[in-house]
Amino acid sequence: MPRRRIEVSVSHDEFEDLNNALEDHRNGFTDMAEEASNGLGLEPEYWVGRANEVQSLLEKVHEHSREETAAGRRLEPNPGKRAPGRPRGAIGPT
């Protein structure tokens, strides 16, 4: 299956919303696995696999967010001394 690369900058609240949505989605698959073990719907292994895929995605989101924070600090080592009107993290001449 083709892969997609997503690069997005979000606020702290948006990150928390994304995190919560992924956790809820994962938990929904876990609930479906429990229901399936009672004979409802697809096999439990399918839902467990889907829950694991969402967990993996959640971990990737967390890894990427830490990397972006660290990269941001390297781009602007002294944020208090940037030129007026210059965007935070800007590189090169204005």
Protein backbone atom coordinates (compact mmCIF):
# COMPACT_ATOMS: atom_id res chain seq x y z
CA MET A 1 0.00 0.00 0.00
CA PRO A 2 1.39 3.48 -0.85
CA ARG A 3 2.61 5.55 2.10
CA ARG A 4 1.80 9.19 2.80
CA ARG A 5 4.09 11.69 4.47
CA ILE A 6 2.35 14.24 6.68
CA GLU A 7 4.13 17.32 7.95
CA VAL A 8 1.94 19.56 10.05
CA SER A 9 2.48 22.13 12.75
CA VAL A 10 -0.16 22.20 15.46
CA SER A 11 -0.75 24.06 18.72
CA HIS A 12 -0.52 22.25 22.05
CA ASP A 13 -4.33 21.99 22.21
CA GLU A 14 -4.54 20.65 18.65
CA PHE A 15 -1.86 18.07 19.48
CA GLU A 16 -3.84 16.97 22.54
CA ASP A 17 -7.01 16.72 20.42
CA LEU A 18 -5.17 14.55 17.88
CA ASN A 19 -3.70 12.39 20.62
CA ASN A 20 -7.12 11.92 22.27
CA ALA A 21 -8.79 11.10 18.95
CA LEU A 22 -6.20 8.43 18.17
CA GLU A 23 -6.51 6.94 21.66
CA ASP A 24 -10.32 6.85 21.34
CA HIS A 25 -10.03 5.23 17.90
CA ARG A 26 -7.62 2.60 19.24
CA ASN A 27 -9.88 1.93 22.22
CA GLY A 28 -12.86 1.52 19.88
CA PHE A 29 -11.01 -1.25 18.04
CA THR A 30 -10.11 -2.86 21.36
CA ASP A 31 -13.80 -2.80 22.35
CA MET A 32 -14.70 -4.36 18.99
CA ALA A 33 -12.17 -7.15 19.67
CA GLU A 34 -13.86 -7.86 23.00
CA GLU A 35 -17.29 -7.98 21.34
CA ALA A 36 -15.91 -10.24 18.61
CA SER A 37 -14.65 -12.67 21.22
CA ASN A 38 -18.34 -13.06 22.18
CA GLY A 39 -19.15 -14.04 18.60
CA LEU A 40 -20.18 -10.63 17.25
CA GLY A 41 -18.81 -9.30 13.95
CA LEU A 42 -15.36 -10.05 12.57
CA GLU A 43 -12.72 -12.18 14.26
CA PRO A 44 -11.05 -10.67 17.37
CA GLU A 45 -7.62 -10.90 15.71
CA TYR A 46 -8.72 -8.41 13.04
CA TRP A 47 -9.72 -5.79 15.64
CA VAL A 48 -6.61 -6.40 17.75
CA GLY A 49 -4.51 -5.88 14.62
CA ARG A 50 -6.31 -2.61 13.85
CA ALA A 51 -5.83 -1.44 17.46
CA ASN A 52 -2.11 -2.23 17.17
CA GLU A 53 -1.88 -0.24 13.91
CA VAL A 54 -3.45 2.81 15.57
CA GLN A 55 -1.14 2.41 18.57
CA SER A 56 1.82 2.39 16.20
CA LEU A 57 0.53 5.57 14.55
CA LEU A 58 0.09 7.19 17.96
CA GLU A 59 3.70 6.35 18.84
CA LYS A 60 4.91 7.84 15.54
CA VAL A 61 3.00 11.05 16.24
CA HIS A 62 4.66 11.30 19.66
CA GLU A 63 8.13 10.59 18.24
CA HIS A 64 7.71 13.21 15.53
CA SER A 65 6.44 15.85 17.94
CA ARG A 66 9.54 15.48 20.12
CA GLU A 67 11.79 15.75 17.06
CA GLU A 68 10.05 18.92 15.86
CA THR A 69 10.47 20.55 19.27
CA ALA A 70 14.17 19.74 19.33
CA ALA A 71 14.60 20.98 15.75
CA GLY A 72 12.84 24.23 16.62
CA ARG A 73 15.33 24.95 19.39
CA ARG A 74 18.25 24.45 17.02
CA LEU A 75 16.78 26.80 14.41
CA GLU A 76 16.56 29.70 16.84
CA PRO A 77 19.06 29.39 19.69
CA ASN A 78 18.23 32.81 21.17
CA PRO A 79 14.55 33.58 20.49
CA GLY A 80 14.66 36.84 22.47
CA LYS A 81 17.07 38.52 20.01
CA ARG A 82 15.44 38.01 16.61
CA ALA A 83 14.99 41.00 14.33
CA PRO A 84 11.65 42.85 14.60
CA GLY A 85 9.11 41.47 12.16
CA ARG A 86 11.17 38.35 11.58
CA PRO A 87 9.15 35.15 12.07
CA ARG A 88 10.21 32.83 14.89
CA GLY A 89 12.51 30.14 13.49
CA ALA A 90 13.22 32.00 10.23
CA ILE A 91 16.46 31.03 8.49
CA GLY A 92 18.56 33.22 6.20
CA PRO A 93 18.31 36.89 5.26
CA THR A 94 14.96 38.68 5.46
